[in-house]
Structure formats: C-alpha cells, structure tokens
C-alpha cells in the first residue's frame, strides 16, 4: 500500500463529523419547518381552495 491506514483516526473523524451534524440538525429543522413562509403559504392555499369551491 502506498500509505499507512489509520483506522482509529478515521473512526474519530467520522464520529466527530456525525456529532456535529446531529447537534446542528434540530435548529436547522426548526428554522425550515416553522418559518413564517409556510404559514402564509398554507393560509393562501386555504383561501384559494375556499374561493374555488364557493365559485
């Protein structure tokens, strides 16, 4: 092999990246899912649906 393999270092880097991703997913999820845009869009679609049903 042209280079030495370092399984422990690779495992630590992999686990560190996973810990960072897991710790940042909750705020990102909350920001995306509870953004006011979605509430406005939901209300706009509801009004459009009601107006199309009553017409």
PDB file of N, CA and C in Angstrom:
ATOM      1  N   UNK A   1       0.842  -1.186   0.000  1.00  0.00           N
ATOM      2  CA  UNK A   1       0.000   0.000   0.000  1.00  0.00           C
ATOM      3  C   UNK A   1       0.880   1.240   0.000  1.00  0.00           C
ATOM      4  N   UNK A   2       0.467   2.262  -0.724  1.00  0.00           N
ATOM      5  CA  UNK A   2       1.305   3.460  -0.799  1.00  0.00           C
ATOM      6  C   UNK A   2       1.278   4.309   0.473  1.00  0.00           C
ATOM      7  N   UNK A   3       0.267   4.151   1.313  1.00  0.00           N
ATOM      8  CA  UNK A   3       0.218   4.941   2.537  1.00  0.00           C
ATOM      9  C   UNK A   3      -0.296   4.063   3.680  1.00  0.00           C
ATOM     10  N   UNK A   4      -0.012   4.510   4.891  1.00  0.00           N
ATOM     11  CA  UNK A   4      -0.468   3.758   6.056  1.00  0.00           C
ATOM     12  C   UNK A   4      -1.931   4.047   6.324  1.00  0.00           C
ATOM     13  N   UNK A   5      -2.652   3.021   6.677  1.00  0.00           N
ATOM     14  CA  UNK A   5      -4.046   3.237   7.058  1.00  0.00           C
ATOM     15  C   UNK A   5      -4.115   3.521   8.545  1.00  0.00           C
ATOM     16  N   UNK A   6      -4.977   4.408   8.918  1.00  0.00           N
ATOM     17  CA  UNK A   6      -5.146   4.779  10.319  1.00  0.00           C
ATOM     18  C   UNK A   6      -6.615   4.629  10.683  1.00  0.00           C
ATOM     19  N   UNK A   7      -7.024   3.421  11.028  1.00  0.00           N
ATOM     20  CA  UNK A   7      -8.455   3.202  11.283  1.00  0.00           C
ATOM     21  C   UNK A   7      -8.988   3.977  12.483  1.00  0.00           C
ATOM     22  N   UNK A   8      -8.160   4.138  13.530  1.00  0.00           N
ATOM     23  CA  UNK A   8      -8.650   4.851  14.710  1.00  0.00           C
ATOM     24  C   UNK A   8      -8.866   6.323  14.400  1.00  0.00           C
ATOM     25  N   UNK A   9      -7.941   6.936  13.698  1.00  0.00           N
ATOM     26  CA  UNK A   9      -8.098   8.348  13.339  1.00  0.00           C
ATOM     27  C   UNK A   9      -9.293   8.530  12.419  1.00  0.00           C
ATOM     28  N   UNK A  10      -9.464   7.622  11.482  1.00  0.00           N
ATOM     29  CA  UNK A  10     -10.608   7.710  10.570  1.00  0.00           C
ATOM     30  C   UNK A  10     -11.920   7.574  11.337  1.00  0.00           C
ATOM     31  N   UNK A  11     -11.953   6.657  12.276  1.00  0.00           N
ATOM     32  CA  UNK A  11     -13.160   6.469  13.075  1.00  0.00           C
ATOM     33  C   UNK A  11     -13.468   7.712  13.903  1.00  0.00           C
ATOM     34  N   UNK A  12     -12.444   8.311  14.503  1.00  0.00           N
ATOM     35  CA  UNK A  12     -12.661   9.513  15.310  1.00  0.00           C
ATOM     36  C   UNK A  12     -13.150  10.678  14.455  1.00  0.00           C
ATOM     37  N   UNK A  13     -12.587  10.846  13.279  1.00  0.00           N
ATOM     38  CA  UNK A  13     -13.035  11.916  12.385  1.00  0.00           C
ATOM     39  C   UNK A  13     -14.476  11.665  11.959  1.00  0.00           C
ATOM     40  N   UNK A  14     -14.788  10.443  11.592  1.00  0.00           N
ATOM     41  CA  UNK A  14     -16.145  10.093  11.176  1.00  0.00           C
ATOM     42  C   UNK A  14     -17.147  10.368  12.296  1.00  0.00           C
ATOM     43  N   UNK A  15     -16.812   9.941  13.514  1.00  0.00           N
ATOM     44  CA  UNK A  15     -17.713  10.156  14.648  1.00  0.00           C
ATOM     45  C   UNK A  15     -17.841  11.645  14.970  1.00  0.00           C
ATOM     46  N   UNK A  16     -16.755  12.384  14.870  1.00  0.00           N
ATOM     47  CA  UNK A  16     -16.798  13.824  15.127  1.00  0.00           C
ATOM     48  C   UNK A  16     -17.699  14.546  14.141  1.00  0.00           C
ATOM     49  N   UNK A  17     -17.610  14.194  12.867  1.00  0.00           N
ATOM     50  CA  UNK A  17     -18.469  14.809  11.854  1.00  0.00           C
ATOM     51  C   UNK A  17     -19.926  14.461  12.129  1.00  0.00           C
ATOM     52  N   UNK A  18     -20.197  13.222  12.494  1.00  0.00           N
ATOM     53  CA  UNK A  18     -21.575  12.830  12.809  1.00  0.00           C
ATOM     54  C   UNK A  18     -22.121  13.580  14.017  1.00  0.00           C
ATOM     55  N   UNK A  19     -21.300  13.766  15.042  1.00  0.00           N
ATOM     56  CA  UNK A  19     -21.752  14.503  16.228  1.00  0.00           C
ATOM     57  C   UNK A  19     -22.100  15.939  15.855  1.00  0.00           C
ATOM     58  N   UNK A  20     -21.279  16.556  15.039  1.00  0.00           N
ATOM     59  CA  UNK A  20     -21.552  17.936  14.612  1.00  0.00           C
ATOM     60  C   UNK A  20     -22.847  17.998  13.809  1.00  0.00           C
ATOM     61  N   UNK A  21     -23.034  17.063  12.880  1.00  0.00           N
ATOM     62  CA  UNK A  21     -24.250  17.073  12.064  1.00  0.00           C
ATOM     63  C   UNK A  21     -25.496  16.839  12.918  1.00  0.00           C
ATOM     64  N   UNK A  22     -25.422  15.905  13.854  1.00  0.00           N
ATOM     65  CA  UNK A  22     -26.583  15.611  14.699  1.00  0.00           C
ATOM     66  C   UNK A  22     -26.905  16.793  15.604  1.00  0.00           C
ATOM     67  N   UNK A  23     -25.898  17.477  16.108  1.00  0.00           N
ATOM     68  CA  UNK A  23     -26.155  18.591  17.016  1.00  0.00           C
ATOM     69  C   UNK A  23     -26.704  19.815  16.289  1.00  0.00           C
ATOM     70  N   UNK A  24     -26.476  19.922  14.981  1.00  0.00           N
ATOM     71  CA  UNK A  24     -26.982  21.096  14.260  1.00  0.00           C
ATOM     72  C   UNK A  24     -28.276  20.820  13.519  1.00  0.00           C
ATOM     73  N   UNK A  25     -28.749  19.597  13.478  1.00  0.00           N
ATOM     74  CA  UNK A  25     -29.942  19.303  12.678  1.00  0.00           C
ATOM     75  C   UNK A  25     -31.202  19.870  13.326  1.00  0.00           C
ATOM     76  N   UNK A  26     -31.295  19.891  14.646  1.00  0.00           N
ATOM     77  CA  UNK A  26     -32.527  20.363  15.289  1.00  0.00           C
ATOM     78  C   UNK A  26     -32.787  21.838  15.011  1.00  0.00           C
ATOM     79  N   UNK A  27     -31.831  22.739  15.205  1.00  0.00           N
ATOM     80  CA  UNK A  27     -32.127  24.143  14.894  1.00  0.00           C
ATOM     81  C   UNK A  27     -32.427  24.367  13.416  1.00  0.00           C
ATOM     82  N   UNK A  28     -31.740  23.635  12.543  1.00  0.00           N
ATOM     83  CA  UNK A  28     -32.000  23.789  11.112  1.00  0.00           C
ATOM     84  C   UNK A  28     -33.407  23.292  10.788  1.00  0.00           C
ATOM     85  N   UNK A  29     -33.786  22.149  11.329  1.00  0.00           N
ATOM     86  CA  UNK A  29     -35.126  21.605  11.105  1.00  0.00           C
ATOM     87  C   UNK A  29     -36.193  22.575  11.610  1.00  0.00           C
ATOM     88  N   UNK A  30     -36.001  23.102  12.817  1.00  0.00           N
ATOM     89  CA  UNK A  30     -36.969  24.047  13.371  1.00  0.00           C
ATOM     90  C   UNK A  30     -37.070  25.299  12.506  1.00  0.00           C
ATOM     91  N   UNK A  31     -35.949  25.807  12.045  1.00  0.00           N
ATOM     92  CA  UNK A  31     -35.967  27.014  11.216  1.00  0.00           C
ATOM     93  C   UNK A  31     -36.717  26.770   9.917  1.00  0.00           C
ATOM     94  N   UNK A  32     -36.457  25.638   9.280  1.00  0.00           N
ATOM     95  CA  UNK A  32     -37.088  25.352   7.985  1.00  0.00           C
ATOM     96  C   UNK A  32     -38.575  25.060   8.161  1.00  0.00           C
ATOM     97  N   UNK A  33     -38.924  24.242   9.132  1.00  0.00           N
ATOM     98  CA  UNK A  33     -40.311  23.790   9.261  1.00  0.00           C
ATOM     99  C   UNK A  33     -41.226  24.841   9.865  1.00  0.00           C
ATOM    100  N   UNK A  34     -40.708  25.682  10.734  1.00  0.00           N
ATOM    101  CA  UNK A  34     -41.559  26.654  11.403  1.00  0.00           C
ATOM    102  C   UNK A  34     -41.325  28.066  10.890  1.00  0.00           C
ATOM    103  N   UNK A  35     -40.809  28.195   9.688  1.00  0.00           N
ATOM    104  CA  UNK A  35     -40.593  29.502   9.082  1.00  0.00           C
ATOM    105  C   UNK A  35     -41.947  30.117   8.752  1.00  0.00           C
ATOM    106  N   UNK A  36     -42.138  31.417   8.962  1.00  0.00           N
ATOM    107  CA  UNK A  36     -43.441  32.048   8.690  1.00  0.00           C
ATOM    108  C   UNK A  36     -43.911  31.895   7.244  1.00  0.00           C
ATOM    109  N   UNK A  37     -42.997  31.672   6.331  1.00  0.00           N
ATOM    110  CA  UNK A  37     -43.386  31.485   4.927  1.00  0.00           C
ATOM    111  C   UNK A  37     -44.402  30.365   4.780  1.00  0.00           C
ATOM    112  N   UNK A  38     -44.191  29.258   5.489  1.00  0.00           N
ATOM    113  CA  UNK A  38     -45.083  28.111   5.338  1.00  0.00           C
ATOM    114  C   UNK A  38     -46.476  28.419   5.855  1.00  0.00           C
ATOM    115  N   UNK A  39     -46.550  29.176   6.953  1.00  0.00           N
ATOM    116  CA  UNK A  39     -47.867  29.546   7.486  1.00  0.00           C
ATOM    117  C   UNK A  39     -48.604  30.450   6.498  1.00  0.00           C
ATOM    118  N   UNK A  40     -47.913  31.418   5.931  1.00  0.00           N
ATOM    119  CA  UNK A  40     -48.541  32.298   4.931  1.00  0.00           C
ATOM    120  C   UNK A  40     -48.979  31.500   3.716  1.00  0.00           C
ATOM    121  N   UNK A  41     -48.145  30.554   3.286  1.00  0.00           N
ATOM    122  CA  UNK A  41     -48.485  29.743   2.118  1.00  0.00           C
ATOM    123  C   UNK A  41     -49.703  28.874   2.396  1.00  0.00           C
ATOM    124  N   UNK A  42     -49.754  28.301   3.606  1.00  0.00           N
ATOM    125  CA  UNK A  42     -50.884  27.458   3.977  1.00  0.00           C
ATOM    126  C   UNK A  42     -52.185  28.271   3.982  1.00  0.00           C
ATOM    127  N   UNK A  43     -52.144  29.499   4.532  1.00  0.00           N
ATOM    128  CA  UNK A  43     -53.324  30.353   4.557  1.00  0.00           C
ATOM    129  C   UNK A  43     -53.741  30.762   3.143  1.00  0.00           C
ATOM    130  N   UNK A  44     -52.768  31.093   2.313  1.00  0.00           N
ATOM    131  CA  UNK A  44     -53.079  31.495   0.940  1.00  0.00           C
ATOM    132  C   UNK A  44     -53.727  30.344   0.179  1.00  0.00           C
ATOM    133  N   UNK A  45     -53.198  29.138   0.335  1.00  0.00           N
ATOM    134  CA  UNK A  45     -53.781  27.984  -0.361  1.00  0.00           C
ATOM    135  C   UNK A  45     -55.176  27.670   0.162  1.00  0.00           C
ATOM    136  N   UNK A  46     -55.395  27.830   1.473  1.00  0.00           N
ATOM    137  CA  UNK A  46     -56.718  27.596   2.052  1.00  0.00           C
ATOM    138  C   UNK A  46     -57.729  28.579   1.474  1.00  0.00           C
ATOM    139  N   UNK A  47     -57.336  29.852   1.371  1.00  0.00           N
ATOM    140  CA  UNK A  47     -58.238  30.858   0.815  1.00  0.00           C
ATOM    141  C   UNK A  47     -58.529  30.582  -0.656  1.00  0.00           C
ATOM    142  N   UNK A  48     -57.498  30.185  -1.397  1.00  0.00           N
ATOM    143  CA  UNK A  48     -57.717  29.859  -2.813  1.00  0.00           C
ATOM    144  C   UNK A  48     -58.674  28.675  -2.951  1.00  0.00           C
ATOM    145  N   UNK A  49     -58.515  27.664  -2.110  1.00  0.00           N
ATOM    146  CA  UNK A  49     -59.379  26.490  -2.159  1.00  0.00           C
ATOM    147  C   UNK A  49     -60.820  26.862  -1.812  1.00  0.00           C
ATOM    148  N   UNK A  50     -60.995  27.707  -0.779  1.00  0.00           N
ATOM    149  CA  UNK A  50     -62.347  28.119  -0.391  1.00  0.00           C
ATOM    150  C   UNK A  50     -63.003  28.943  -1.492  1.00  0.00           C
ATOM    151  N   UNK A  51     -62.227  29.839  -2.122  1.00  0.00           N
ATOM    152  CA  UNK A  51     -62.807  30.668  -3.181  1.00  0.00           C
ATOM    153  C   UNK A  51     -63.165  29.837  -4.408  1.00  0.00           C
ATOM    154  N   UNK A  52     -62.359  28.809  -4.705  1.00  0.00           N
ATOM    155  CA  UNK A  52     -62.670  27.984  -5.862  1.00  0.00           C
ATOM    156  C   UNK A  52     -63.867  27.080  -5.596  1.00  0.00           C
ATOM    157  N   UNK A  53     -64.080  26.675  -4.346  1.00  0.00           N
ATOM    158  CA  UNK A  53     -65.233  25.842  -4.017  1.00  0.00           C
ATOM    159  C   UNK A  53     -66.522  26.650  -4.017  1.00  0.00           C
ATOM    160  N   UNK A  54     -66.458  27.889  -3.569  1.00  0.00           N
ATOM    161  CA  UNK A  54     -67.670  28.703  -3.495  1.00  0.00           C
ATOM    162  C   UNK A  54     -68.046  29.290  -4.859  1.00  0.00           C
ATOM    163  N   UNK A  55     -67.120  29.327  -5.788  1.00  0.00           N
ATOM    164  CA  UNK A  55     -67.418  29.913  -7.108  1.00  0.00           C
ATOM    165  C   UNK A  55     -68.157  28.949  -8.008  1.00  0.00           C
TER     166      UNK A  55
END
